[in-house]
Amino acid sequence: MATVIKGEYKHVNCDSEYGTLKKVIVCEPRYMKIDEIINETQRHFAKDNINMKRAMKQHQHFVDTMKAHGVDVYKLPAMEKFPEQVFTRDIGFTIGETVFVSRMGSNIRDGEEKVLRNWLLEHQINLSLIEGDRIEGGDVIVHGDTVYIGVSGRTSEETIQELQSQLPHMNVVAVPFDPIYLHLDCVFNILSEKDALIYKHAFEEKDYQFLASKFNVIEVEKEEQFTMGTNVLSIGNKKVLSLPVNKNVNAALRERGYEVLEVDISEIIKSGGSFRCCSMPLYREEMH
């Protein structure tokens, strides 16, 4: 079951990952640090940890880039007890006109969802509090009347079934992948009605073939998966935010007619997430 709270504020809508982004929630990496190793990227950078000043500066550049393209950016209050709060995508996800507040699958992030819930209540936004086992927004990818949800260490099949019962008009598709990669959006990301980025080796062959039958897939190599090559952020009109270091991904996107906005958030990706992870869309223009 879930608790649904109806708000007065109507300007919430997401039916894709690539409609023109109008409203998004972020959180500054003010207290960001690698505290509990969650993936190979964090393991690699754990000794160096995070240069806070650089991370803050890069995050501001990310925010300024979105604002320059017409996005309203809302900031959650950063709290010292939440070292991974910068990854706002995981604490909630918008489907249609409702924001679903996640059930965090990691102790280190437990409590972040309360900050989001309070913000949504304050702004009178429709929200649904999921009361299943666990689900995080990095595993949730919306595509019209289909929602792809990764079966991972952070999202359980039981909660995916619960979400399906809340979305009877939608096709909820569970997508298993190797949980070493943490969230589905670290290995798969939809760019348009037909294009998707994918890291093939995270999937069993049948699951890869299923996704490849639905999209023109752009395969990401191992080196660029490590630097979060799949975790770009589409902001609409075939504009995509991507890391300068992921040269092959960027070249492949440009070949297919995308405008690649290169922004360096290399300090933030040391903690295992990139542009998509750092943004929780509230409103995208509807795709027809």
C-alpha atoms as a PDB file:
ATOM      1  CA  MET A   1       0.000   0.000   0.000  1.00  0.00           C
ATOM      2  CA  ALA A   2       0.971   3.652  -0.342  1.00  0.00           C
ATOM      3  CA  THR A   3      -0.081   6.907   1.237  1.00  0.00           C
ATOM      4  CA  VAL A   4      -1.223   9.391  -1.412  1.00  0.00           C
ATOM      5  CA  ILE A   5      -1.321  13.092  -0.533  1.00  0.00           C
ATOM      6  CA  LYS A   6      -3.068  15.400  -2.994  1.00  0.00           C
ATOM      7  CA  GLY A   7      -1.609  18.871  -3.358  1.00  0.00           C
ATOM      8  CA  GLU A   8      -2.888  22.075  -4.899  1.00  0.00           C
ATOM      9  CA  TYR A   9       0.159  22.644  -7.058  1.00  0.00           C
ATOM     10  CA  LYS A  10      -0.533  21.352 -10.553  1.00  0.00           C
ATOM     11  CA  HIS A  11       2.725  21.949 -12.365  1.00  0.00           C
ATOM     12  CA  VAL A  12       4.146  18.442 -11.996  1.00  0.00           C
ATOM     13  CA  ASN A  13       4.378  16.067 -14.924  1.00  0.00           C
ATOM     14  CA  CYS A  14       6.816  13.548 -16.347  1.00  0.00           C
ATOM     15  CA  ASP A  15       6.000  11.033 -19.045  1.00  0.00           C
ATOM     16  CA  SER A  16       9.498  10.636 -20.496  1.00  0.00           C
ATOM     17  CA  GLU A  17      13.214  11.039 -19.870  1.00  0.00           C
ATOM     18  CA  TYR A  18      13.636  13.488 -22.743  1.00  0.00           C
ATOM     19  CA  GLY A  19      10.702  15.930 -22.845  1.00  0.00           C
ATOM     20  CA  THR A  20      11.789  19.554 -22.366  1.00  0.00           C
ATOM     21  CA  LEU A  21      12.859  19.852 -18.728  1.00  0.00           C
ATOM     22  CA  LYS A  22      11.131  22.743 -16.943  1.00  0.00           C
ATOM     23  CA  LYS A  23      11.432  22.016 -13.215  1.00  0.00           C
ATOM     24  CA  VAL A  24      14.024  19.959 -11.357  1.00  0.00           C
ATOM     25  CA  ILE A  25      15.157  19.308  -7.789  1.00  0.00           C
ATOM     26  CA  VAL A  26      18.858  19.228  -6.889  1.00  0.00           C
ATOM     27  CA  CYS A  27      20.918  19.329  -3.685  1.00  0.00           C
ATOM     28  CA  GLU A  28      24.332  20.929  -3.289  1.00  0.00           C
ATOM     29  CA  PRO A  29      27.200  18.524  -2.445  1.00  0.00           C
ATOM     30  CA  ARG A  30      27.984  20.618   0.637  1.00  0.00           C
ATOM     31  CA  TYR A  31      28.644  17.596   2.873  1.00  0.00           C
ATOM     32  CA  MET A  32      29.504  15.069   0.178  1.00  0.00           C
ATOM     33  CA  LYS A  33      32.022  12.364   1.043  1.00  0.00           C
ATOM     34  CA  ILE A  34      32.672   8.698   0.352  1.00  0.00           C
ATOM     35  CA  ASP A  35      31.571   7.164   3.617  1.00  0.00           C
ATOM     36  CA  GLU A  36      30.365   3.686   2.687  1.00  0.00           C
ATOM     37  CA  ILE A  37      31.692   2.189  -0.566  1.00  0.00           C
ATOM     38  CA  ILE A  38      28.751   1.361  -2.823  1.00  0.00           C
ATOM     39  CA  ASN A  39      30.334   0.645  -6.219  1.00  0.00           C
ATOM     40  CA  GLU A  40      33.584   0.317  -8.160  1.00  0.00           C
ATOM     41  CA  THR A  41      33.801   4.043  -8.907  1.00  0.00           C
ATOM     42  CA  GLN A  42      33.663   4.919  -5.221  1.00  0.00           C
ATOM     43  CA  ARG A  43      36.141   2.148  -4.395  1.00  0.00           C
ATOM     44  CA  HIS A  44      38.608   3.629  -6.882  1.00  0.00           C
ATOM     45  CA  PHE A  45      38.381   7.139  -5.406  1.00  0.00           C
ATOM     46  CA  ALA A  46      37.873   6.285  -1.712  1.00  0.00           C
ATOM     47  CA  LYS A  47      41.481   7.107  -0.767  1.00  0.00           C
ATOM     48  CA  ASP A  48      41.363  10.567  -2.401  1.00  0.00           C
ATOM     49  CA  ASN A  49      37.779  11.159  -1.308  1.00  0.00           C
ATOM     50  CA  ILE A  50      35.980  14.347  -2.437  1.00  0.00           C
ATOM     51  CA  ASN A  51      37.383  17.865  -2.858  1.00  0.00           C
ATOM     52  CA  MET A  52      34.364  19.713  -1.483  1.00  0.00           C
ATOM     53  CA  LYS A  53      35.233  23.119  -2.919  1.00  0.00           C
ATOM     54  CA  ARG A  54      35.662  21.674  -6.409  1.00  0.00           C
ATOM     55  CA  ALA A  55      32.476  19.600  -6.119  1.00  0.00           C
ATOM     56  CA  MET A  56      30.465  22.679  -5.091  1.00  0.00           C
ATOM     57  CA  LYS A  57      31.870  24.745  -7.972  1.00  0.00           C
ATOM     58  CA  GLN A  58      31.150  21.989 -10.512  1.00  0.00           C
ATOM     59  CA  HIS A  59      27.633  21.487  -9.182  1.00  0.00           C
ATOM     60  CA  GLN A  60      26.959  25.219  -9.548  1.00  0.00           C
ATOM     61  CA  HIS A  61      28.129  25.034 -13.177  1.00  0.00           C
ATOM     62  CA  PHE A  62      25.688  22.144 -13.707  1.00  0.00           C
ATOM     63  CA  VAL A  63      22.850  24.206 -12.172  1.00  0.00           C
ATOM     64  CA  ASP A  64      23.798  27.320 -14.187  1.00  0.00           C
ATOM     65  CA  THR A  65      23.789  25.279 -17.416  1.00  0.00           C
ATOM     66  CA  MET A  66      20.263  24.019 -16.743  1.00  0.00           C
ATOM     67  CA  LYS A  67      19.058  27.531 -15.847  1.00  0.00           C
ATOM     68  CA  ALA A  68      20.603  28.917 -19.056  1.00  0.00           C
ATOM     69  CA  HIS A  69      18.380  26.456 -20.961  1.00  0.00           C
ATOM     70  CA  GLY A  70      15.169  27.550 -19.245  1.00  0.00           C
ATOM     71  CA  VAL A  71      15.024  25.067 -16.368  1.00  0.00           C
ATOM     72  CA  ASP A  72      13.682  26.168 -12.955  1.00  0.00           C
ATOM     73  CA  VAL A  73      16.046  24.622 -10.403  1.00  0.00           C
ATOM     74  CA  TYR A  74      14.914  23.979  -6.821  1.00  0.00           C
ATOM     75  CA  LYS A  75      17.421  23.102  -4.101  1.00  0.00           C
ATOM     76  CA  LEU A  76      16.747  20.803  -1.166  1.00  0.00           C
ATOM     77  CA  PRO A  77      18.522  21.803   2.074  1.00  0.00           C
ATOM     78  CA  ALA A  78      21.849  19.928   2.317  1.00  0.00           C
ATOM     79  CA  MET A  79      22.380  18.119   5.622  1.00  0.00           C
ATOM     80  CA  GLU A  80      25.642  16.959   7.110  1.00  0.00           C
ATOM     81  CA  LYS A  81      24.264  13.544   8.065  1.00  0.00           C
ATOM     82  CA  PHE A  82      23.524  12.730   4.390  1.00  0.00           C
ATOM     83  CA  PRO A  83      26.847  12.506   2.471  1.00  0.00           C
ATOM     84  CA  GLU A  84      25.129  11.286  -0.746  1.00  0.00           C
ATOM     85  CA  GLN A  85      22.235  13.747  -0.783  1.00  0.00           C
ATOM     86  CA  VAL A  86      23.550  15.309  -4.020  1.00  0.00           C
ATOM     87  CA  PHE A  87      22.006  12.306  -5.829  1.00  0.00           C
ATOM     88  CA  THR A  88      18.425  13.583  -5.653  1.00  0.00           C
ATOM     89  CA  ARG A  89      17.234  11.237  -8.428  1.00  0.00           C
ATOM     90  CA  ASP A  90      17.227   8.329  -5.989  1.00  0.00           C
ATOM     91  CA  ILE A  91      14.983   9.838  -3.322  1.00  0.00           C
ATOM     92  CA  GLY A  92      11.961  10.222  -5.574  1.00  0.00           C
ATOM     93  CA  PHE A  93      10.621   9.991  -9.107  1.00  0.00           C
ATOM     94  CA  THR A  94       7.827  11.733 -10.988  1.00  0.00           C
ATOM     95  CA  ILE A  95       5.395   9.659 -13.044  1.00  0.00           C
ATOM     96  CA  GLY A  96       2.556  11.609 -14.600  1.00  0.00           C
ATOM     97  CA  GLU A  97       1.299  14.199 -12.108  1.00  0.00           C
ATOM     98  CA  THR A  98       2.561  12.483  -8.955  1.00  0.00           C
ATOM     99  CA  VAL A  99       5.947  12.460  -7.229  1.00  0.00           C
ATOM    100  CA  PHE A 100       6.638   9.073  -5.675  1.00  0.00           C
ATOM    101  CA  VAL A 101       8.834   9.313  -2.590  1.00  0.00           C
ATOM    102  CA  SER A 102      11.330   6.443  -2.534  1.00  0.00           C
ATOM    103  CA  ARG A 103      12.040   3.841   0.124  1.00  0.00           C
ATOM    104  CA  MET A 104      15.816   4.040   0.405  1.00  0.00           C
ATOM    105  CA  GLY A 105      17.683   0.751   0.053  1.00  0.00           C
ATOM    106  CA  SER A 106      20.759   1.814   2.011  1.00  0.00           C
ATOM    107  CA  ASN A 107      21.169   2.790   5.668  1.00  0.00           C
ATOM    108  CA  ILE A 108      23.493   5.658   4.776  1.00  0.00           C
ATOM    109  CA  ARG A 109      20.687   7.297   2.782  1.00  0.00           C
ATOM    110  CA  ASP A 110      17.822   6.476   5.117  1.00  0.00           C
ATOM    111  CA  GLY A 111      16.092   9.716   6.064  1.00  0.00           C
ATOM    112  CA  GLU A 112      16.848  11.652   2.875  1.00  0.00           C
ATOM    113  CA  GLU A 113      13.336  10.898   1.655  1.00  0.00           C
ATOM    114  CA  LYS A 114      11.868  12.776   4.651  1.00  0.00           C
ATOM    115  CA  VAL A 115      13.608  15.972   3.485  1.00  0.00           C
ATOM    116  CA  LEU A 116      12.023  15.542   0.039  1.00  0.00           C
ATOM    117  CA  ARG A 117       8.622  14.672   1.508  1.00  0.00           C
ATOM    118  CA  ASN A 118       8.634  17.827   3.658  1.00  0.00           C
ATOM    119  CA  TRP A 119       9.603  19.971   0.656  1.00  0.00           C
ATOM    120  CA  LEU A 120       6.804  18.488  -1.446  1.00  0.00           C
ATOM    121  CA  LEU A 121       4.248  19.040   1.335  1.00  0.00           C
ATOM    122  CA  GLU A 122       5.421  22.633   1.780  1.00  0.00           C
ATOM    123  CA  HIS A 123       5.007  23.234  -1.975  1.00  0.00           C
ATOM    124  CA  GLN A 124       1.632  21.406  -2.045  1.00  0.00           C
ATOM    125  CA  ILE A 125       2.695  18.887  -4.662  1.00  0.00           C
ATOM    126  CA  ASN A 126       0.873  15.566  -5.261  1.00  0.00           C
ATOM    127  CA  LEU A 127       2.944  12.846  -3.646  1.00  0.00           C
ATOM    128  CA  SER A 128       2.778   9.145  -2.971  1.00  0.00           C
ATOM    129  CA  LEU A 129       4.706   7.617  -0.087  1.00  0.00           C
ATOM    130  CA  ILE A 130       5.740   4.098  -1.063  1.00  0.00           C
ATOM    131  CA  GLU A 131       5.406   1.674   1.818  1.00  0.00           C
ATOM    132  CA  GLY A 132       6.894  -1.475   0.279  1.00  0.00           C
ATOM    133  CA  ASP A 133      10.323  -2.945   0.887  1.00  0.00           C
ATOM    134  CA  ARG A 134      12.688  -0.659  -1.090  1.00  0.00           C
ATOM    135  CA  ILE A 135      12.845   1.296  -4.318  1.00  0.00           C
ATOM    136  CA  GLU A 136      15.181   4.089  -5.456  1.00  0.00           C
ATOM    137  CA  GLY A 137      14.613   6.506  -8.330  1.00  0.00           C
ATOM    138  CA  GLY A 138      17.880   5.645 -10.082  1.00  0.00           C
ATOM    139  CA  ASP A 139      16.202   2.356 -11.016  1.00  0.00           C
ATOM    140  CA  VAL A 140      13.078   4.026 -12.467  1.00  0.00           C
ATOM    141  CA  ILE A 141      13.013   5.091 -16.139  1.00  0.00           C
ATOM    142  CA  VAL A 142       9.779   6.500 -17.602  1.00  0.00           C
ATOM    143  CA  HIS A 143       8.929   6.054 -21.284  1.00  0.00           C
ATOM    144  CA  GLY A 144       5.376   7.057 -22.205  1.00  0.00           C
ATOM    145  CA  ASP A 145       2.999   4.417 -20.868  1.00  0.00           C
ATOM    146  CA  THR A 146       5.915   2.126 -19.946  1.00  0.00           C
ATOM    147  CA  VAL A 147       8.064   2.329 -16.809  1.00  0.00           C
ATOM    148  CA  TYR A 148      11.302   0.336 -16.806  1.00  0.00           C
ATOM    149  CA  ILE A 149      12.415  -0.493 -13.270  1.00  0.00           C
ATOM    150  CA  GLY A 150      15.744  -2.080 -12.425  1.00  0.00           C
ATOM    151  CA  VAL A 151      15.770  -5.078 -10.081  1.00  0.00           C
ATOM    152  CA  SER A 152      18.805  -4.241  -7.958  1.00  0.00           C
ATOM    153  CA  GLY A 153      20.231  -4.225  -4.453  1.00  0.00           C
ATOM    154  CA  ARG A 154      18.306  -0.968  -3.971  1.00  0.00           C
ATOM    155  CA  THR A 155      14.969  -1.926  -5.569  1.00  0.00           C
ATOM    156  CA  SER A 156      13.038  -5.100  -4.801  1.00  0.00           C
ATOM    157  CA  GLU A 157      10.652  -7.043  -7.041  1.00  0.00           C
ATOM    158  CA  GLU A 158       8.003  -6.837  -4.313  1.00  0.00           C
ATOM    159  CA  THR A 159       8.010  -3.017  -4.444  1.00  0.00           C
ATOM    160  CA  ILE A 160       7.970  -3.053  -8.257  1.00  0.00           C
ATOM    161  CA  GLN A 161       4.764  -5.123  -8.052  1.00  0.00           C
ATOM    162  CA  GLU A 162       3.313  -2.646  -5.567  1.00  0.00           C
ATOM    163  CA  LEU A 163       4.064   0.225  -7.927  1.00  0.00           C
ATOM    164  CA  GLN A 164       2.358  -1.647 -10.777  1.00  0.00           C
ATOM    165  CA  SER A 165      -0.803  -1.849  -8.652  1.00  0.00           C
ATOM    166  CA  GLN A 166      -0.662   1.942  -8.204  1.00  0.00           C
ATOM    167  CA  LEU A 167      -0.190   2.476 -11.948  1.00  0.00           C
ATOM    168  CA  PRO A 168      -2.823   0.186 -13.493  1.00  0.00           C
ATOM    169  CA  HIS A 169      -2.878   2.200 -16.728  1.00  0.00           C
ATOM    170  CA  MET A 170       0.870   1.730 -17.262  1.00  0.00           C
ATOM    171  CA  ASN A 171       3.119  -1.140 -18.256  1.00  0.00           C
ATOM    172  CA  VAL A 172       5.684  -1.627 -15.490  1.00  0.00           C
ATOM    173  CA  VAL A 173       8.631  -3.684 -16.755  1.00  0.00           C
ATOM    174  CA  ALA A 174      11.125  -5.186 -14.299  1.00  0.00           C
ATOM    175  CA  VAL A 175      14.666  -5.173 -15.726  1.00  0.00           C
ATOM    176  CA  PRO A 176      17.217  -7.371 -13.932  1.00  0.00           C
ATOM    177  CA  PHE A 177      20.891  -6.353 -14.150  1.00  0.00           C
ATOM    178  CA  ASP A 178      24.129  -7.005 -12.277  1.00  0.00           C
ATOM    179  CA  PRO A 179      23.663  -5.207  -8.904  1.00  0.00           C
ATOM    180  CA  ILE A 180      27.368  -4.322  -8.814  1.00  0.00           C
ATOM    181  CA  TYR A 181      26.337  -1.335 -10.978  1.00  0.00           C
ATOM    182  CA  LEU A 182      23.988  -0.042  -8.251  1.00  0.00           C
ATOM    183  CA  HIS A 183      21.160   1.534 -10.317  1.00  0.00           C
ATOM    184  CA  LEU A 184      19.633   0.888 -13.732  1.00  0.00           C
ATOM    185  CA  ASP A 185      20.516   4.410 -14.914  1.00  0.00           C
ATOM    186  CA  CYS A 186      24.212   3.580 -14.461  1.00  0.00           C
ATOM    187  CA  VAL A 187      23.896   1.050 -17.320  1.00  0.00           C
ATOM    188  CA  PHE A 188      20.807   2.098 -19.315  1.00  0.00           C
ATOM    189  CA  ASN A 189      19.276   5.466 -20.185  1.00  0.00           C
ATOM    190  CA  ILE A 190      16.597   6.479 -22.702  1.00  0.00           C
ATOM    191  CA  LEU A 191      17.458   9.508 -24.867  1.00  0.00           C
ATOM    192  CA  SER A 192      14.480   9.773 -27.228  1.00  0.00           C
ATOM    193  CA  GLU A 193      11.512   7.796 -28.462  1.00  0.00           C
ATOM    194  CA  LYS A 194      13.938   5.469 -30.256  1.00  0.00           C
ATOM    195  CA  ASP A 195      17.494   5.921 -28.865  1.00  0.00           C
ATOM    196  CA  ALA A 196      19.019   4.586 -25.653  1.00  0.00           C
ATOM    197  CA  LEU A 197      22.478   4.298 -24.120  1.00  0.00           C
ATOM    198  CA  ILE A 198      23.363   0.882 -22.727  1.00  0.00           C
ATOM    199  CA  TYR A 199      26.265  -0.931 -21.098  1.00  0.00           C
ATOM    200  CA  LYS A 200      25.695  -4.408 -22.499  1.00  0.00           C
ATOM    201  CA  HIS A 201      27.806  -6.330 -19.984  1.00  0.00           C
ATOM    202  CA  ALA A 202      25.554  -5.407 -17.060  1.00  0.00           C
ATOM    203  CA  PHE A 203      22.761  -7.586 -18.465  1.00  0.00           C
ATOM    204  CA  GLU A 204      22.131 -11.225 -19.200  1.00  0.00           C
ATOM    205  CA  GLU A 205      21.833 -11.780 -22.940  1.00  0.00           C
ATOM    206  CA  LYS A 206      18.027 -12.174 -22.948  1.00  0.00           C
ATOM    207  CA  ASP A 207      17.534  -8.940 -21.010  1.00  0.00           C
ATOM    208  CA  TYR A 208      19.956  -7.070 -23.264  1.00  0.00           C
ATOM    209  CA  GLN A 209      18.179  -8.410 -26.356  1.00  0.00           C
ATOM    210  CA  PHE A 210      14.829  -7.325 -24.932  1.00  0.00           C
ATOM    211  CA  LEU A 211      16.026  -3.717 -24.500  1.00  0.00           C
ATOM    212  CA  ALA A 212      17.818  -3.775 -27.873  1.00  0.00           C
ATOM    213  CA  SER A 213      14.535  -4.832 -29.521  1.00  0.00           C
ATOM    214  CA  LYS A 214      12.818  -1.713 -28.126  1.00  0.00           C
ATOM    215  CA  PHE A 215      15.479   0.909 -28.924  1.00  0.00           C
ATOM    216  CA  ASN A 216      18.336   1.809 -31.240  1.00  0.00           C
ATOM    217  CA  VAL A 217      20.987   1.156 -28.623  1.00  0.00           C
ATOM    218  CA  ILE A 218      24.242   3.086 -28.379  1.00  0.00           C
ATOM    219  CA  GLU A 219      26.674   0.793 -26.621  1.00  0.00           C
ATOM    220  CA  VAL A 220      28.891   2.290 -23.926  1.00  0.00           C
ATOM    221  CA  GLU A 221      32.353   0.764 -23.416  1.00  0.00           C
ATOM    222  CA  LYS A 222      33.658  -0.407 -20.050  1.00  0.00           C
ATOM    223  CA  GLU A 223      35.939   2.623 -19.524  1.00  0.00           C
ATOM    224  CA  GLU A 224      33.110   5.059 -20.145  1.00  0.00           C
ATOM    225  CA  GLN A 225      30.646   3.112 -18.009  1.00  0.00           C
ATOM    226  CA  PHE A 226      33.167   3.580 -15.188  1.00  0.00           C
ATOM    227  CA  THR A 227      33.008   7.348 -15.795  1.00  0.00           C
ATOM    228  CA  MET A 228      29.191   7.172 -15.871  1.00  0.00           C
ATOM    229  CA  GLY A 229      28.841   7.403 -19.665  1.00  0.00           C
ATOM    230  CA  THR A 230      25.212   6.225 -19.611  1.00  0.00           C
ATOM    231  CA  ASN A 231      24.211   8.647 -16.862  1.00  0.00           C
ATOM    232  CA  VAL A 232      23.640  11.700 -19.058  1.00  0.00           C
ATOM    233  CA  LEU A 233      20.709  14.080 -18.596  1.00  0.00           C
ATOM    234  CA  SER A 234      18.405  14.938 -21.492  1.00  0.00           C
ATOM    235  CA  ILE A 235      16.889  18.406 -21.099  1.00  0.00           C
ATOM    236  CA  GLY A 236      14.735  18.344 -24.245  1.00  0.00           C
ATOM    237  CA  ASN A 237      15.080  19.228 -27.937  1.00  0.00           C
ATOM    238  CA  LYS A 238      17.859  16.618 -28.291  1.00  0.00           C
ATOM    239  CA  LYS A 239      20.097  18.517 -25.845  1.00  0.00           C
ATOM    240  CA  VAL A 240      22.062  16.257 -23.514  1.00  0.00           C
ATOM    241  CA  LEU A 241      24.370  17.058 -20.596  1.00  0.00           C
ATOM    242  CA  SER A 242      27.416  14.797 -20.617  1.00  0.00           C
ATOM    243  CA  LEU A 243      30.938  14.640 -19.190  1.00  0.00           C
ATOM    244  CA  PRO A 244      33.789  15.888 -21.419  1.00  0.00           C
ATOM    245  CA  VAL A 245      35.820  12.763 -20.545  1.00  0.00           C
ATOM    246  CA  ASN A 246      33.289  10.426 -22.228  1.00  0.00           C
ATOM    247  CA  LYS A 247      34.495  11.188 -25.743  1.00  0.00           C
ATOM    248  CA  ASN A 248      33.091   8.074 -27.459  1.00  0.00           C
ATOM    249  CA  VAL A 249      29.619   8.542 -25.979  1.00  0.00           C
ATOM    250  CA  ASN A 250      29.641  12.233 -26.932  1.00  0.00           C
ATOM    251  CA  ALA A 251      30.778  11.485 -30.497  1.00  0.00           C
ATOM    252  CA  ALA A 252      28.058   8.819 -30.874  1.00  0.00           C
ATOM    253  CA  LEU A 253      25.408  11.260 -29.615  1.00  0.00           C
ATOM    254  CA  ARG A 254      26.539  14.007 -31.983  1.00  0.00           C
ATOM    255  CA  GLU A 255      26.491  11.538 -34.872  1.00  0.00           C
ATOM    256  CA  ARG A 256      22.825  10.946 -34.126  1.00  0.00           C
ATOM    257  CA  GLY A 257      22.003  14.647 -34.107  1.00  0.00           C
ATOM    258  CA  TYR A 258      22.170  15.405 -30.383  1.00  0.00           C
ATOM    259  CA  GLU A 259      23.575  18.665 -29.071  1.00  0.00           C
ATOM    260  CA  VAL A 260      26.013  17.613 -26.351  1.00  0.00           C
ATOM    261  CA  LEU A 261      26.471  20.142 -23.551  1.00  0.00           C
ATOM    262  CA  GLU A 262      29.767  19.164 -21.944  1.00  0.00           C
ATOM    263  CA  VAL A 263      29.929  20.022 -18.246  1.00  0.00           C
ATOM    264  CA  ASP A 264      32.702  18.799 -15.965  1.00  0.00           C
ATOM    265  CA  ILE A 265      31.337  17.254 -12.756  1.00  0.00           C
ATOM    266  CA  SER A 266      34.262  14.824 -12.434  1.00  0.00           C
ATOM    267  CA  GLU A 267      34.579  15.491  -8.687  1.00  0.00           C
ATOM    268  CA  ILE A 268      30.965  14.445  -8.098  1.00  0.00           C
ATOM    269  CA  ILE A 269      31.204  11.265 -10.176  1.00  0.00           C
ATOM    270  CA  LYS A 270      33.889  10.024  -7.765  1.00  0.00           C
ATOM    271  CA  SER A 271      30.930   9.118  -5.565  1.00  0.00           C
ATOM    272  CA  GLY A 272      29.403   6.960  -8.294  1.00  0.00           C
ATOM    273  CA  GLY A 273      26.761   9.120  -9.961  1.00  0.00           C
ATOM    274  CA  SER A 274      26.535  11.730 -12.699  1.00  0.00           C
ATOM    275  CA  PHE A 275      24.011  14.140 -14.260  1.00  0.00           C
ATOM    276  CA  ARG A 276      20.913  11.954 -14.118  1.00  0.00           C
ATOM    277  CA  CYS A 277      21.677  10.946 -10.546  1.00  0.00           C
ATOM    278  CA  CYS A 278      22.037  14.608  -9.519  1.00  0.00           C
ATOM    279  CA  SER A 279      18.642  15.696 -10.839  1.00  0.00           C
ATOM    280  CA  MET A 280      15.065  14.811  -9.935  1.00  0.00           C
ATOM    281  CA  PRO A 281      12.696  16.168 -12.612  1.00  0.00           C
ATOM    282  CA  LEU A 282       9.350  17.522 -11.445  1.00  0.00           C
ATOM    283  CA  TYR A 283       8.087  18.740 -14.808  1.00  0.00           C
ATOM    284  CA  ARG A 284       8.860  17.890 -18.402  1.00  0.00           C
ATOM    285  CA  GLU A 285       6.774  19.025 -21.329  1.00  0.00           C
ATOM    286  CA  GLU A 286       4.579  16.183 -22.506  1.00  0.00           C
ATOM    287  CA  MET A 287       5.694  14.056 -25.416  1.00  0.00           C
ATOM    288  CA  HIS A 288       2.994  13.390 -28.026  1.00  0.00           C
END
